[in-house]
Amino acid sequence: MNLHDKTMTFSVQDEKESEMKRILTLVYDALKEKGYNPVNQIVGYILSEDPTYITTFNNARSMVRRVDRDELLQALVKSYLSN
C-alpha cells in the first residue's frame, strides 16, 4: 500500500483546542512563576473578561486575549466530562 493512497484528515477544531491548551498552559506557568494561584486567576479572567487577572509576565496577558472565552469554556467542559 502506497502512503499517498491513504486519505489524510484534518480538523480545525482539534487545531484550535490544541492552540488553546498551549496558550492556557503558558499562561498558567507564567502566573505560577509570579506567585499567583493560576487557577483562581484564570477563572477570574474567564468570568469577568478582565485581562488584569492575568500577568503581563512572559506576554501571558497578550496570549490569553487571543483565546475566545466561549470556545475555551466549551473545550474545558468537554475535557472535564470526557475524563
C-alpha atoms as a PDB file:
ATOM      1  CA  MET A   1       0.000   0.000   0.000  1.00  0.00           C
ATOM      2  CA  ASN A   2       1.377   3.353  -1.045  1.00  0.00           C
ATOM      3  CA  LEU A   3       1.376   6.094   1.620  1.00  0.00           C
ATOM      4  CA  HIS A   4      -0.066   8.520  -0.922  1.00  0.00           C
ATOM      5  CA  ASP A   5      -3.144   6.303  -1.334  1.00  0.00           C
ATOM      6  CA  LYS A   6      -4.234   6.990   2.237  1.00  0.00           C
ATOM      7  CA  THR A   7      -6.622   9.862   2.889  1.00  0.00           C
ATOM      8  CA  MET A   8      -5.385  12.306   5.496  1.00  0.00           C
ATOM      9  CA  THR A   9      -7.881  14.041   7.761  1.00  0.00           C
ATOM     10  CA  PHE A  10      -7.615  17.490   9.246  1.00  0.00           C
ATOM     11  CA  SER A  11      -9.760  19.050  11.929  1.00  0.00           C
ATOM     12  CA  VAL A  12      -9.755  22.782  12.511  1.00  0.00           C
ATOM     13  CA  GLN A  13     -11.429  22.187  15.888  1.00  0.00           C
ATOM     14  CA  ASP A  14      -8.594  19.924  17.027  1.00  0.00           C
ATOM     15  CA  GLU A  15      -6.067  22.572  15.975  1.00  0.00           C
ATOM     16  CA  LYS A  16      -7.968  25.281  17.892  1.00  0.00           C
ATOM     17  CA  GLU A  17      -8.191  23.170  21.021  1.00  0.00           C
ATOM     18  CA  SER A  18      -4.522  22.313  20.800  1.00  0.00           C
ATOM     19  CA  GLU A  19      -3.607  26.005  20.484  1.00  0.00           C
ATOM     20  CA  MET A  20      -5.907  26.936  23.392  1.00  0.00           C
ATOM     21  CA  LYS A  21      -4.276  24.276  25.555  1.00  0.00           C
ATOM     22  CA  ARG A  22      -0.803  25.515  24.617  1.00  0.00           C
ATOM     23  CA  ILE A  23      -1.703  29.127  25.458  1.00  0.00           C
ATOM     24  CA  LEU A  24      -3.506  28.226  28.680  1.00  0.00           C
ATOM     25  CA  THR A  25      -0.504  26.170  29.807  1.00  0.00           C
ATOM     26  CA  LEU A  26       1.866  29.074  29.131  1.00  0.00           C
ATOM     27  CA  VAL A  27      -0.442  31.483  30.980  1.00  0.00           C
ATOM     28  CA  TYR A  28      -0.743  29.049  33.896  1.00  0.00           C
ATOM     29  CA  ASP A  29       3.042  28.717  34.096  1.00  0.00           C
ATOM     30  CA  ALA A  30       3.559  32.498  33.993  1.00  0.00           C
ATOM     31  CA  LEU A  31       1.018  33.061  36.773  1.00  0.00           C
ATOM     32  CA  LYS A  32       2.553  30.325  38.903  1.00  0.00           C
ATOM     33  CA  GLU A  33       6.067  31.673  38.380  1.00  0.00           C
ATOM     34  CA  LYS A  34       4.923  35.126  39.538  1.00  0.00           C
ATOM     35  CA  GLY A  35       3.440  33.618  42.714  1.00  0.00           C
ATOM     36  CA  TYR A  36      -0.262  33.786  41.853  1.00  0.00           C
ATOM     37  CA  ASN A  37      -2.802  30.986  42.192  1.00  0.00           C
ATOM     38  CA  PRO A  38      -3.132  30.240  38.455  1.00  0.00           C
ATOM     39  CA  VAL A  39      -6.491  28.505  38.633  1.00  0.00           C
ATOM     40  CA  ASN A  40      -8.116  31.360  40.563  1.00  0.00           C
ATOM     41  CA  GLN A  41      -6.633  33.977  38.241  1.00  0.00           C
ATOM     42  CA  ILE A  42      -7.713  32.163  35.065  1.00  0.00           C
ATOM     43  CA  VAL A  43     -11.227  31.614  36.426  1.00  0.00           C
ATOM     44  CA  GLY A  44     -11.413  35.298  37.332  1.00  0.00           C
ATOM     45  CA  TYR A  45     -10.419  36.194  33.788  1.00  0.00           C
ATOM     46  CA  ILE A  46     -12.898  33.790  32.190  1.00  0.00           C
ATOM     47  CA  LEU A  47     -15.793  35.013  34.341  1.00  0.00           C
ATOM     48  CA  SER A  48     -15.088  38.723  34.021  1.00  0.00           C
ATOM     49  CA  GLU A  49     -13.118  39.036  30.766  1.00  0.00           C
ATOM     50  CA  ASP A  50     -10.927  41.457  32.716  1.00  0.00           C
ATOM     51  CA  PRO A  51      -7.379  40.915  31.429  1.00  0.00           C
ATOM     52  CA  THR A  52      -5.853  42.344  34.607  1.00  0.00           C
ATOM     53  CA  TYR A  53      -6.399  38.931  36.235  1.00  0.00           C
ATOM     54  CA  ILE A  54      -3.553  37.717  34.016  1.00  0.00           C
ATOM     55  CA  THR A  55       0.037  38.842  34.479  1.00  0.00           C
ATOM     56  CA  THR A  56       1.925  40.555  31.691  1.00  0.00           C
ATOM     57  CA  PHE A  57       4.932  38.380  32.582  1.00  0.00           C
ATOM     58  CA  ASN A  58       6.113  36.307  29.604  1.00  0.00           C
ATOM     59  CA  ASN A  59       3.448  38.006  27.464  1.00  0.00           C
ATOM     60  CA  ALA A  60       0.729  35.915  29.185  1.00  0.00           C
ATOM     61  CA  ARG A  61      -1.933  38.643  29.106  1.00  0.00           C
ATOM     62  CA  SER A  62      -1.494  39.207  25.404  1.00  0.00           C
ATOM     63  CA  MET A  63      -1.612  35.474  24.678  1.00  0.00           C
ATOM     64  CA  VAL A  64      -4.750  34.777  26.709  1.00  0.00           C
ATOM     65  CA  ARG A  65      -6.618  37.547  24.907  1.00  0.00           C
ATOM     66  CA  ARG A  66      -6.172  35.652  21.624  1.00  0.00           C
ATOM     67  CA  VAL A  67      -8.317  32.809  23.000  1.00  0.00           C
ATOM     68  CA  ASP A  68     -12.083  33.084  22.540  1.00  0.00           C
ATOM     69  CA  ARG A  69     -13.620  32.646  26.005  1.00  0.00           C
ATOM     70  CA  ASP A  70     -16.702  30.806  24.723  1.00  0.00           C
ATOM     71  CA  GLU A  71     -14.568  28.321  22.810  1.00  0.00           C
ATOM     72  CA  LEU A  72     -12.335  27.925  25.859  1.00  0.00           C
ATOM     73  CA  LEU A  73     -15.309  27.182  28.108  1.00  0.00           C
ATOM     74  CA  GLN A  74     -16.640  24.644  25.610  1.00  0.00           C
ATOM     75  CA  ALA A  75     -13.250  22.904  25.438  1.00  0.00           C
ATOM     76  CA  LEU A  76     -12.919  22.890  29.241  1.00  0.00           C
ATOM     77  CA  VAL A  77     -16.390  21.388  29.776  1.00  0.00           C
ATOM     78  CA  LYS A  78     -15.798  18.830  27.013  1.00  0.00           C
ATOM     79  CA  SER A  79     -12.471  17.844  28.561  1.00  0.00           C
ATOM     80  CA  TYR A  80     -13.906  17.667  32.080  1.00  0.00           C
ATOM     81  CA  LEU A  81     -16.811  15.460  31.038  1.00  0.00           C
ATOM     82  CA  SER A  82     -14.706  13.142  28.893  1.00  0.00           C
ATOM     83  CA  ASN A  83     -12.344  12.252  31.738  1.00  0.00           C
END
